[in-house]
Amino acid sequence: MNHRIRQFLTIVVAVFAISGAAALSAKGEQSTPKVAVVVAGQAAEQPSVVARARDIAADRGAQFRVTHTTADELGVTHRLAAASYDEVLTFGVDRRIAIDPVTARFPDTRFVAIG
């Protein structure tokens, strides 16, 4: 076999091996679920609820968001689902406005109402 052909085939095999290893590595990183905590509505006005939610977020290594309007609720939940978060824990989030429309579009994101 010609030396150039052998060299080319070696490079092709190496590229496939590296890309396969990278894909397995990326899959391994996804084994930890992406979690977020969202506090909204009247719950966002209660310091004890915000503190409890912040503690839960810190314990789980989760994103933490506090919103004060229904438009912000929808924006935050939509953004988290679009960013492929696995689970969003909610405090005071209006299900009809900020969760149901998002789950219709992003069914893989699980929303859990805590309070």
N, C-alpha and C. Protein backbone atom coordinates (compact mmCIF):
# COMPACT_ATOMS: atom_id res chain seq x y z
N MET A 1 0.85 -1.16 0.00
CA MET A 1 0.00 0.00 0.00
C MET A 1 0.90 1.23 0.00
N ASN A 2 0.48 2.19 -0.75
CA ASN A 2 1.22 3.43 -0.86
C ASN A 2 1.34 4.10 0.52
N HIS A 3 2.48 4.71 0.78
CA HIS A 3 2.73 5.36 2.07
C HIS A 3 1.72 6.49 2.34
N ARG A 4 1.36 7.27 1.36
CA ARG A 4 0.40 8.36 1.55
C ARG A 4 -1.00 7.84 1.89
N ILE A 5 -1.40 6.77 1.25
CA ILE A 5 -2.71 6.19 1.54
C ILE A 5 -2.74 5.66 2.96
N ARG A 6 -1.68 4.96 3.35
CA ARG A 6 -1.60 4.43 4.70
C ARG A 6 -1.64 5.58 5.73
N GLN A 7 -0.91 6.65 5.45
CA GLN A 7 -0.90 7.80 6.35
C GLN A 7 -2.30 8.44 6.43
N PHE A 8 -2.97 8.57 5.30
CA PHE A 8 -4.31 9.14 5.26
C PHE A 8 -5.29 8.28 6.07
N LEU A 9 -5.24 6.96 5.89
CA LEU A 9 -6.13 6.07 6.62
C LEU A 9 -5.85 6.12 8.13
N THR A 10 -4.60 6.24 8.51
CA THR A 10 -4.25 6.36 9.92
C THR A 10 -4.86 7.62 10.52
N ILE A 11 -4.79 8.70 9.79
CA ILE A 11 -5.37 9.97 10.26
C ILE A 11 -6.88 9.86 10.37
N VAL A 12 -7.54 9.24 9.40
CA VAL A 12 -8.99 9.07 9.44
C VAL A 12 -9.41 8.24 10.65
N VAL A 13 -8.70 7.14 10.89
CA VAL A 13 -9.01 6.28 12.03
C VAL A 13 -8.80 7.05 13.34
N ALA A 14 -7.74 7.82 13.42
CA ALA A 14 -7.47 8.61 14.63
C ALA A 14 -8.56 9.63 14.88
N VAL A 15 -9.02 10.29 13.83
CA VAL A 15 -10.09 11.29 13.98
C VAL A 15 -11.37 10.63 14.49
N PHE A 16 -11.73 9.48 13.94
CA PHE A 16 -12.93 8.78 14.41
C PHE A 16 -12.77 8.32 15.86
N ALA A 17 -11.60 7.86 16.22
CA ALA A 17 -11.38 7.41 17.60
C ALA A 17 -11.49 8.58 18.57
N ILE A 18 -10.92 9.71 18.22
CA ILE A 18 -10.99 10.89 19.09
C ILE A 18 -12.41 11.39 19.21
N SER A 19 -13.14 11.43 18.09
CA SER A 19 -14.53 11.93 18.15
C SER A 19 -15.40 10.98 18.96
N GLY A 20 -15.17 9.68 18.87
CA GLY A 20 -15.93 8.73 19.68
C GLY A 20 -15.63 8.88 21.15
N ALA A 21 -14.37 9.10 21.49
CA ALA A 21 -14.00 9.31 22.90
C ALA A 21 -14.62 10.61 23.42
N ALA A 22 -14.65 11.64 22.60
CA ALA A 22 -15.25 12.91 23.01
C ALA A 22 -16.75 12.75 23.24
N ALA A 23 -17.41 11.97 22.39
CA ALA A 23 -18.85 11.75 22.56
C ALA A 23 -19.13 10.99 23.85
N LEU A 24 -18.34 10.00 24.16
CA LEU A 24 -18.51 9.25 25.41
C LEU A 24 -18.23 10.14 26.62
N SER A 25 -17.24 10.99 26.50
CA SER A 25 -16.91 11.91 27.59
C SER A 25 -18.05 12.88 27.83
N ALA A 26 -18.63 13.43 26.77
CA ALA A 26 -19.75 14.37 26.91
C ALA A 26 -20.96 13.67 27.52
N LYS A 27 -21.18 12.42 27.17
CA LYS A 27 -22.29 11.67 27.74
C LYS A 27 -22.09 11.45 29.23
N GLY A 28 -20.85 11.19 29.62
CA GLY A 28 -20.54 10.99 31.02
C GLY A 28 -20.78 12.25 31.84
N GLU A 29 -20.51 13.41 31.25
CA GLU A 29 -20.74 14.67 31.95
C GLU A 29 -22.23 14.90 32.16
N GLN A 30 -23.08 14.38 31.31
CA GLN A 30 -24.52 14.58 31.40
C GLN A 30 -25.15 13.67 32.45
N SER A 31 -24.37 12.78 33.07
CA SER A 31 -24.96 11.89 34.05
C SER A 31 -25.46 12.64 35.28
N THR A 32 -24.88 13.80 35.55
CA THR A 32 -25.35 14.64 36.65
C THR A 32 -26.46 15.52 36.10
N PRO A 33 -27.67 15.42 36.66
CA PRO A 33 -28.77 16.21 36.12
C PRO A 33 -28.58 17.70 36.37
N LYS A 34 -29.01 18.49 35.40
CA LYS A 34 -28.99 19.95 35.55
C LYS A 34 -30.26 20.35 36.29
N VAL A 35 -30.08 21.04 37.42
CA VAL A 35 -31.21 21.40 38.27
C VAL A 35 -31.20 22.91 38.49
N ALA A 36 -32.41 23.48 38.57
CA ALA A 36 -32.57 24.90 38.88
C ALA A 36 -33.68 25.07 39.91
N VAL A 37 -33.62 26.17 40.64
CA VAL A 37 -34.64 26.51 41.62
C VAL A 37 -35.16 27.90 41.25
N VAL A 38 -36.49 28.03 41.14
CA VAL A 38 -37.12 29.30 40.78
C VAL A 38 -38.12 29.68 41.87
N VAL A 39 -37.99 30.92 42.36
CA VAL A 39 -38.93 31.47 43.34
C VAL A 39 -39.66 32.62 42.67
N ALA A 40 -41.00 32.63 42.78
CA ALA A 40 -41.77 33.64 42.06
C ALA A 40 -43.00 34.05 42.85
N GLY A 41 -43.67 35.07 42.33
CA GLY A 41 -44.94 35.51 42.89
C GLY A 41 -44.80 35.96 44.33
N GLN A 42 -45.79 35.62 45.13
CA GLN A 42 -45.78 36.01 46.55
C GLN A 42 -44.64 35.35 47.32
N ALA A 43 -44.23 34.19 46.89
CA ALA A 43 -43.11 33.51 47.55
C ALA A 43 -41.83 34.33 47.44
N ALA A 44 -41.67 35.06 46.34
CA ALA A 44 -40.48 35.89 46.15
C ALA A 44 -40.42 37.06 47.11
N GLU A 45 -41.55 37.40 47.71
CA GLU A 45 -41.62 38.52 48.66
C GLU A 45 -41.42 38.07 50.10
N GLN A 46 -41.27 36.77 50.32
CA GLN A 46 -41.11 36.23 51.67
C GLN A 46 -39.65 35.81 51.88
N PRO A 47 -38.92 36.56 52.70
CA PRO A 47 -37.50 36.26 52.90
C PRO A 47 -37.23 34.83 53.38
N SER A 48 -38.11 34.28 54.18
CA SER A 48 -37.88 32.91 54.67
C SER A 48 -37.97 31.89 53.54
N VAL A 49 -38.90 32.10 52.62
CA VAL A 49 -39.05 31.19 51.48
C VAL A 49 -37.84 31.33 50.55
N VAL A 50 -37.43 32.56 50.30
CA VAL A 50 -36.27 32.79 49.43
C VAL A 50 -35.02 32.15 50.05
N ALA A 51 -34.85 32.30 51.36
CA ALA A 51 -33.69 31.71 52.03
C ALA A 51 -33.73 30.18 51.94
N ARG A 52 -34.89 29.60 52.15
CA ARG A 52 -35.03 28.13 52.06
C ARG A 52 -34.71 27.64 50.65
N ALA A 53 -35.23 28.34 49.66
CA ALA A 53 -34.97 27.97 48.26
C ALA A 53 -33.49 28.13 47.92
N ARG A 54 -32.88 29.19 48.41
CA ARG A 54 -31.45 29.41 48.17
C ARG A 54 -30.63 28.27 48.79
N ASP A 55 -31.01 27.83 49.98
CA ASP A 55 -30.32 26.72 50.63
C ASP A 55 -30.46 25.43 49.82
N ILE A 56 -31.66 25.17 49.33
CA ILE A 56 -31.88 23.98 48.50
C ILE A 56 -31.03 24.04 47.24
N ALA A 57 -30.99 25.21 46.61
CA ALA A 57 -30.18 25.37 45.41
C ALA A 57 -28.69 25.14 45.71
N ALA A 58 -28.23 25.69 46.82
CA ALA A 58 -26.82 25.51 47.19
C ALA A 58 -26.51 24.04 47.47
N ASP A 59 -27.40 23.35 48.17
CA ASP A 59 -27.19 21.94 48.48
C ASP A 59 -27.13 21.07 47.23
N ARG A 60 -27.91 21.44 46.22
CA ARG A 60 -27.98 20.62 45.00
C ARG A 60 -27.07 21.13 43.89
N GLY A 61 -26.37 22.23 44.13
CA GLY A 61 -25.52 22.81 43.10
C GLY A 61 -26.34 23.32 41.93
N ALA A 62 -27.50 23.89 42.26
CA ALA A 62 -28.46 24.28 41.23
C ALA A 62 -28.41 25.79 40.95
N GLN A 63 -28.87 26.15 39.75
CA GLN A 63 -29.09 27.56 39.43
C GLN A 63 -30.18 28.07 40.34
N PHE A 64 -30.14 29.35 40.70
CA PHE A 64 -31.14 29.94 41.58
C PHE A 64 -31.65 31.23 40.95
N ARG A 65 -32.98 31.32 40.81
CA ARG A 65 -33.59 32.51 40.21
C ARG A 65 -34.78 32.95 41.04
N VAL A 66 -34.91 34.28 41.20
CA VAL A 66 -36.06 34.88 41.87
C VAL A 66 -36.69 35.83 40.86
N THR A 67 -37.99 35.68 40.62
CA THR A 67 -38.71 36.55 39.69
C THR A 67 -39.87 37.21 40.42
N HIS A 68 -40.27 38.38 39.90
CA HIS A 68 -41.33 39.13 40.57
C HIS A 68 -42.57 39.36 39.70
N THR A 69 -42.48 39.04 38.42
CA THR A 69 -43.64 39.21 37.54
C THR A 69 -43.92 37.90 36.82
N THR A 70 -45.15 37.74 36.35
CA THR A 70 -45.50 36.51 35.63
C THR A 70 -44.74 36.42 34.31
N ALA A 71 -44.47 37.56 33.70
CA ALA A 71 -43.69 37.54 32.45
C ALA A 71 -42.29 37.02 32.72
N ASP A 72 -41.69 37.44 33.84
CA ASP A 72 -40.37 36.93 34.20
C ASP A 72 -40.41 35.44 34.53
N GLU A 73 -41.48 35.01 35.18
CA GLU A 73 -41.64 33.58 35.48
C GLU A 73 -41.57 32.77 34.20
N LEU A 74 -42.37 33.17 33.23
CA LEU A 74 -42.41 32.46 31.95
C LEU A 74 -41.04 32.51 31.27
N GLY A 75 -40.42 33.67 31.29
CA GLY A 75 -39.11 33.81 30.65
C GLY A 75 -38.06 32.91 31.28
N VAL A 76 -38.03 32.87 32.60
CA VAL A 76 -37.04 32.06 33.30
C VAL A 76 -37.29 30.57 33.08
N THR A 77 -38.54 30.13 33.23
CA THR A 77 -38.81 28.70 33.04
C THR A 77 -38.54 28.26 31.60
N HIS A 78 -38.88 29.12 30.66
CA HIS A 78 -38.63 28.80 29.24
C HIS A 78 -37.13 28.72 28.97
N ARG A 79 -36.38 29.68 29.49
CA ARG A 79 -34.94 29.69 29.27
C ARG A 79 -34.27 28.45 29.88
N LEU A 80 -34.68 28.07 31.07
CA LEU A 80 -34.09 26.89 31.70
C LEU A 80 -34.42 25.62 30.92
N ALA A 81 -35.66 25.50 30.48
CA ALA A 81 -36.03 24.32 29.68
C ALA A 81 -35.29 24.30 28.35
N ALA A 82 -35.16 25.46 27.72
CA ALA A 82 -34.44 25.53 26.44
C ALA A 82 -32.96 25.21 26.62
N ALA A 83 -32.44 25.47 27.82
CA ALA A 83 -31.04 25.15 28.11
C ALA A 83 -30.87 23.70 28.58
N SER A 84 -31.89 22.88 28.40
CA SER A 84 -31.87 21.45 28.69
C SER A 84 -31.70 21.12 30.17
N TYR A 85 -32.32 21.91 31.03
CA TYR A 85 -32.33 21.55 32.44
C TYR A 85 -33.23 20.34 32.62
N ASP A 86 -32.80 19.41 33.46
CA ASP A 86 -33.55 18.19 33.68
C ASP A 86 -34.70 18.41 34.67
N GLU A 87 -34.45 19.24 35.68
CA GLU A 87 -35.44 19.43 36.73
C GLU A 87 -35.41 20.89 37.18
N VAL A 88 -36.61 21.46 37.35
CA VAL A 88 -36.75 22.82 37.86
C VAL A 88 -37.66 22.75 39.09
N LEU A 89 -37.11 23.08 40.25
CA LEU A 89 -37.88 23.12 41.49
C LEU A 89 -38.48 24.51 41.61
N THR A 90 -39.78 24.60 41.86
CA THR A 90 -40.44 25.90 41.85
C THR A 90 -41.10 26.22 43.19
N PHE A 91 -41.04 27.48 43.55
CA PHE A 91 -41.71 28.03 44.73
C PHE A 91 -42.60 29.17 44.24
N GLY A 92 -43.91 29.00 44.29
CA GLY A 92 -44.83 30.07 43.94
C GLY A 92 -44.98 30.36 42.46
N VAL A 93 -44.46 29.53 41.60
CA VAL A 93 -44.56 29.75 40.15
C VAL A 93 -45.98 29.37 39.69
N ASP A 94 -46.58 30.24 38.89
CA ASP A 94 -47.93 30.01 38.38
C ASP A 94 -47.87 28.94 37.29
N ARG A 95 -48.42 27.78 37.58
CA ARG A 95 -48.35 26.64 36.66
C ARG A 95 -48.99 26.95 35.32
N ARG A 96 -50.16 27.59 35.34
CA ARG A 96 -50.89 27.86 34.10
C ARG A 96 -50.12 28.82 33.19
N ILE A 97 -49.45 29.78 33.77
CA ILE A 97 -48.76 30.80 32.97
C ILE A 97 -47.33 30.42 32.62
N ALA A 98 -46.59 29.84 33.57
CA ALA A 98 -45.15 29.69 33.38
C ALA A 98 -44.65 28.26 33.28
N ILE A 99 -45.50 27.27 33.53
CA ILE A 99 -45.03 25.89 33.46
C ILE A 99 -45.71 25.12 32.34
N ASP A 100 -47.04 25.14 32.29
CA ASP A 100 -47.76 24.36 31.27
C ASP A 100 -47.33 24.68 29.84
N PRO A 101 -47.19 25.97 29.47
CA PRO A 101 -46.76 26.25 28.09
C PRO A 101 -45.34 25.76 27.81
N VAL A 102 -44.50 25.78 28.84
CA VAL A 102 -43.11 25.35 28.65
C VAL A 102 -43.02 23.83 28.53
N THR A 103 -43.76 23.11 29.37
CA THR A 103 -43.72 21.65 29.28
C THR A 103 -44.31 21.14 27.96
N ALA A 104 -45.22 21.91 27.38
CA ALA A 104 -45.76 21.52 26.07
C ALA A 104 -44.66 21.53 25.01
N ARG A 105 -43.73 22.47 25.15
CA ARG A 105 -42.67 22.59 24.15
C ARG A 105 -41.41 21.80 24.53
N PHE A 106 -41.16 21.66 25.83
CA PHE A 106 -39.97 20.97 26.33
C PHE A 106 -40.39 19.87 27.31
N PRO A 107 -40.91 18.77 26.82
CA PRO A 107 -41.43 17.72 27.72
C PRO A 107 -40.36 17.01 28.53
N ASP A 108 -39.10 17.15 28.19
CA ASP A 108 -38.05 16.46 28.94
C ASP A 108 -37.67 17.18 30.22
N THR A 109 -38.08 18.44 30.37
CA THR A 109 -37.79 19.17 31.59
C THR A 109 -38.90 18.90 32.60
N ARG A 110 -38.52 18.48 33.79
CA ARG A 110 -39.48 18.14 34.84
C ARG A 110 -39.59 19.31 35.81
N PHE A 111 -40.81 19.77 36.03
CA PHE A 111 -41.08 20.86 36.97
C PHE A 111 -41.69 20.27 38.23
N VAL A 112 -41.12 20.65 39.39
CA VAL A 112 -41.58 20.14 40.67
C VAL A 112 -41.94 21.34 41.55
N ALA A 113 -43.21 21.43 41.94
CA ALA A 113 -43.65 22.50 42.82
C ALA A 113 -43.31 22.14 44.26
N ILE A 114 -42.49 22.96 44.88
CA ILE A 114 -42.08 22.75 46.26
C ILE A 114 -42.99 23.53 47.20
N GLY A 115 -43.28 24.74 46.84
CA GLY A 115 -44.10 25.56 47.71
C GLY A 115 -44.93 26.55 46.94
